[in-house]
Structures are given as C-alpha cells and as structure tokens.
Amino acid sequence: MLSLFGSLLGFGTSFLPSILSFLEQGQKNRHQLKLLDAQAKHAEVLSKLKVEELDAQADVSEAENIYKHASELAKANKSSFVSALQASVRPVITYFFFVVFGLIKGLAVYVAIQEGDDAYQAIINSWDEESKILFSTIISFWFGQRGMKAIRKAMK
C-alpha cells in the first residue's frame, strides 16, 4: 500500500515543475501585458504633448511670418503713407463696417419710432439675433484668438 502511495506521489509530483512553470509563465505574461499597457498610455501622453508643441510652433511661425511680410512690405514702400495705409486696411474696413452698421441700426430705430413704436422697444427689436451674430463675429475676429487660446489652455 505504501509503495502504491509512493508511486502515485512520485507520478503526481513529476507534473509539479510543469504546473509551476505554467503558472510562472502566466504571471510573466500578465506582467508583460501591464507593462505594454503602461507603455501605450505613456506613448499616448507623449503624442498629445507633441501635438500641442507642434500647434504652438505653428502659431509662433505664423505670427513671425506675418510680421516678416509686413516688415518687407514696409521696407519696399518708399512712402510712409502707403506703408501706413497697407497696415490700416483691416482696421479701416472694420471702422467703416461699424459706421455703416450703426447708421443702418440707427435708421431702423428712427423709422420704428416714426411709425409709432416705443423707443425702447425699437432699440430692442433692432438688436436682433443676426445683429448679435455679426457683431460677435467681428469682435471675435479681432480679439478672440488669444482669448480662445487662454480659455482652451485653462480648460485642459
């Protein structure tokens, strides 16, 4: 009986190294998977940082090129008046737009009052959704880029 038990024990324990090796390999594989997952997360963070860096470099390069182009135009012009005029095209167009916008809205309020509307209500009615959109678009064009960058940066 004892010899039978010894034989069974010997036969059973002959598989023990294989079982332990299998369990050890499973543990190594789980460790390797965790390591690969950590490396993937690290690579994702690095790629996001690289994209942000490239965006910042593009912004700086764009600003440098704009200033370089304006400087080259100013040097090419012999007349300071022409240089000043070139630099003021966008602002002058914006001023002109606001003058025309104000005149049209003012005339709309004036006509509404002449037709018997209340002055307050005429002003409120003249400031419609389209006017708000147009006005905010122009203001955003001139002042929004840096403000939006600050907001996006604060949100991250």
Protein backbone atom coordinates (compact mmCIF):
# COMPACT_ATOMS: atom_id res chain seq x y z
CA MET A 1 0.00 0.00 0.00
CA LEU A 2 2.77 2.33 0.93
CA SER A 3 4.61 1.55 -2.29
CA LEU A 4 1.46 2.28 -4.27
CA PHE A 5 1.06 5.58 -2.47
CA GLY A 6 4.73 6.41 -3.10
CA SER A 7 4.35 5.58 -6.78
CA LEU A 8 1.28 7.78 -7.12
CA LEU A 9 3.00 10.58 -5.22
CA GLY A 10 6.09 10.27 -7.42
CA PHE A 11 3.97 10.21 -10.58
CA GLY A 12 1.88 13.21 -9.41
CA THR A 13 4.87 15.27 -8.39
CA SER A 14 6.55 14.69 -11.74
CA PHE A 15 3.97 17.15 -13.19
CA LEU A 16 4.65 19.73 -10.48
CA PRO A 17 7.55 21.50 -12.28
CA SER A 18 5.44 21.78 -15.45
CA ILE A 19 2.48 23.20 -13.50
CA LEU A 20 4.71 25.65 -11.64
CA SER A 21 6.36 26.66 -14.92
CA PHE A 22 2.91 27.19 -16.47
CA LEU A 23 1.79 29.37 -13.54
CA GLU A 24 5.04 31.31 -13.62
CA GLN A 25 4.68 31.92 -17.38
CA GLY A 26 1.12 33.17 -16.81
CA GLN A 27 2.38 35.61 -14.20
CA LYS A 28 5.12 36.82 -16.56
CA ASN A 29 2.56 37.29 -19.33
CA ARG A 30 0.28 39.34 -17.05
CA HIS A 31 3.25 41.48 -16.04
CA GLN A 32 4.22 41.91 -19.71
CA LEU A 33 0.64 42.99 -20.56
CA LYS A 34 0.64 45.55 -17.76
CA LEU A 35 3.99 46.85 -18.98
CA LEU A 36 2.72 47.15 -22.56
CA ASP A 37 -0.41 48.93 -21.34
CA ALA A 38 1.69 51.41 -19.37
CA GLN A 39 3.92 51.98 -22.40
CA ALA A 40 0.86 52.61 -24.60
CA LYS A 41 -0.51 55.16 -22.14
CA HIS A 42 2.89 56.84 -21.96
CA ALA A 43 3.09 56.98 -25.77
CA GLU A 44 -0.42 58.48 -25.92
CA VAL A 45 0.51 61.23 -23.46
CA LEU A 46 3.72 61.93 -25.37
CA SER A 47 1.85 62.17 -28.66
CA LYS A 48 -0.65 64.65 -27.16
CA LEU A 49 2.22 66.76 -25.85
CA LYS A 50 3.92 66.62 -29.25
CA VAL A 51 0.72 67.79 -30.98
CA GLU A 52 0.43 70.69 -28.52
CA GLU A 53 4.07 71.56 -29.13
CA LEU A 54 3.58 71.50 -32.90
CA ASP A 55 0.47 73.69 -32.57
CA ALA A 56 2.42 76.22 -30.52
CA GLN A 57 5.28 76.17 -33.03
CA ALA A 58 2.82 76.70 -35.89
CA ASP A 59 1.28 79.70 -34.08
CA VAL A 60 4.70 81.22 -33.47
CA SER A 61 5.77 80.59 -37.05
CA GLU A 62 2.55 82.12 -38.39
CA ALA A 63 3.00 85.26 -36.29
CA GLU A 64 6.65 85.55 -37.31
CA ASN A 65 5.76 85.22 -40.99
CA ILE A 66 3.02 87.84 -40.71
CA TYR A 67 5.38 90.31 -39.08
CA LYS A 68 8.12 89.47 -41.56
CA HIS A 69 5.78 90.04 -44.50
CA ALA A 70 4.53 93.34 -43.07
CA SER A 71 8.12 94.43 -42.45
CA GLU A 72 9.15 93.54 -46.00
CA LEU A 73 6.19 95.48 -47.40
CA ALA A 74 7.07 98.49 -45.27
CA LYS A 75 10.70 98.38 -46.45
CA ALA A 76 9.67 98.02 -50.09
CA ASN A 77 7.47 101.11 -49.96
CA LYS A 78 9.26 104.40 -50.24
CA SER A 79 6.25 106.28 -48.97
CA SER A 80 5.40 106.10 -45.28
CA PHE A 81 1.81 106.99 -46.18
CA VAL A 82 1.48 103.86 -48.36
CA SER A 83 3.02 101.73 -45.62
CA ALA A 84 0.60 103.12 -43.06
CA LEU A 85 -2.28 102.60 -45.46
CA GLN A 86 -1.31 98.96 -46.01
CA ALA A 87 -1.14 98.38 -42.28
CA SER A 88 -4.50 100.03 -41.69
CA VAL A 89 -6.62 98.26 -44.32
CA ARG A 90 -8.30 95.79 -41.97
CA PRO A 91 -8.92 98.28 -39.17
CA VAL A 92 -10.30 100.87 -41.61
CA ILE A 93 -12.66 98.30 -43.13
CA THR A 94 -13.78 97.37 -39.63
CA TYR A 95 -14.35 101.02 -38.69
CA PHE A 96 -16.29 101.54 -41.90
CA PHE A 97 -18.41 98.47 -41.20
CA PHE A 98 -19.26 99.69 -37.71
CA VAL A 99 -20.20 103.14 -39.00
CA VAL A 100 -22.47 101.62 -41.67
CA PHE A 101 -23.85 99.14 -39.15
CA GLY A 102 -24.59 101.92 -36.67
CA LEU A 103 -26.23 104.06 -39.33
CA ILE A 104 -28.47 101.25 -40.52
CA LYS A 105 -29.48 100.29 -36.99
CA GLY A 106 -29.99 103.94 -36.08
CA LEU A 107 -32.19 104.45 -39.14
CA ALA A 108 -34.16 101.31 -38.26
CA VAL A 109 -34.82 102.68 -34.77
CA TYR A 110 -35.70 106.10 -36.18
CA VAL A 111 -38.17 104.62 -38.69
CA ALA A 112 -39.74 102.44 -36.00
CA ILE A 113 -40.21 105.47 -33.71
CA GLN A 114 -41.69 107.47 -36.61
CA GLU A 115 -44.18 104.67 -37.16
CA GLY A 116 -45.30 104.92 -33.55
CA ASP A 117 -43.23 102.27 -31.77
CA ASP A 118 -41.85 102.85 -28.30
CA ALA A 119 -38.19 103.96 -28.43
CA TYR A 120 -37.04 101.27 -26.01
CA GLN A 121 -38.87 98.55 -27.91
CA ALA A 122 -37.50 99.85 -31.23
CA ILE A 123 -33.95 99.58 -29.92
CA ILE A 124 -34.58 96.06 -28.57
CA ASN A 125 -36.14 94.99 -31.88
CA SER A 126 -33.23 96.39 -33.89
CA TRP A 127 -30.74 94.32 -31.92
CA ASP A 128 -31.92 91.01 -33.41
CA GLU A 129 -30.18 87.63 -33.45
CA GLU A 130 -28.45 88.26 -36.78
CA SER A 131 -27.01 91.55 -35.50
CA LYS A 132 -25.68 89.81 -32.41
CA ILE A 133 -24.04 87.11 -34.50
CA LEU A 134 -22.48 89.59 -36.92
CA PHE A 135 -21.24 91.85 -34.14
CA SER A 136 -19.77 88.97 -32.11
CA THR A 137 -18.09 87.53 -35.21
CA ILE A 138 -16.23 90.76 -35.90
CA ILE A 139 -15.23 91.25 -32.27
CA SER A 140 -14.09 87.62 -32.10
CA PHE A 141 -12.00 88.08 -35.23
CA TRP A 142 -10.08 90.96 -33.71
CA PHE A 143 -9.87 89.89 -30.08
CA GLY A 144 -10.90 86.25 -29.93
CA GLN A 145 -7.84 84.30 -30.98
CA ARG A 146 -5.77 84.99 -27.89
CA GLY A 147 -8.81 84.82 -25.64
CA MET A 148 -9.83 81.42 -27.01
CA LYS A 149 -6.30 80.12 -26.59
CA ALA A 150 -6.37 81.18 -22.95
CA ILE A 151 -9.76 79.53 -22.44
CA ARG A 152 -8.64 76.28 -24.11
CA LYS A 153 -5.48 76.27 -22.03
CA ALA A 154 -7.45 76.83 -18.81
CA MET A 155 -9.87 74.03 -19.68
CA LYS A 156 -7.07 71.44 -20.05
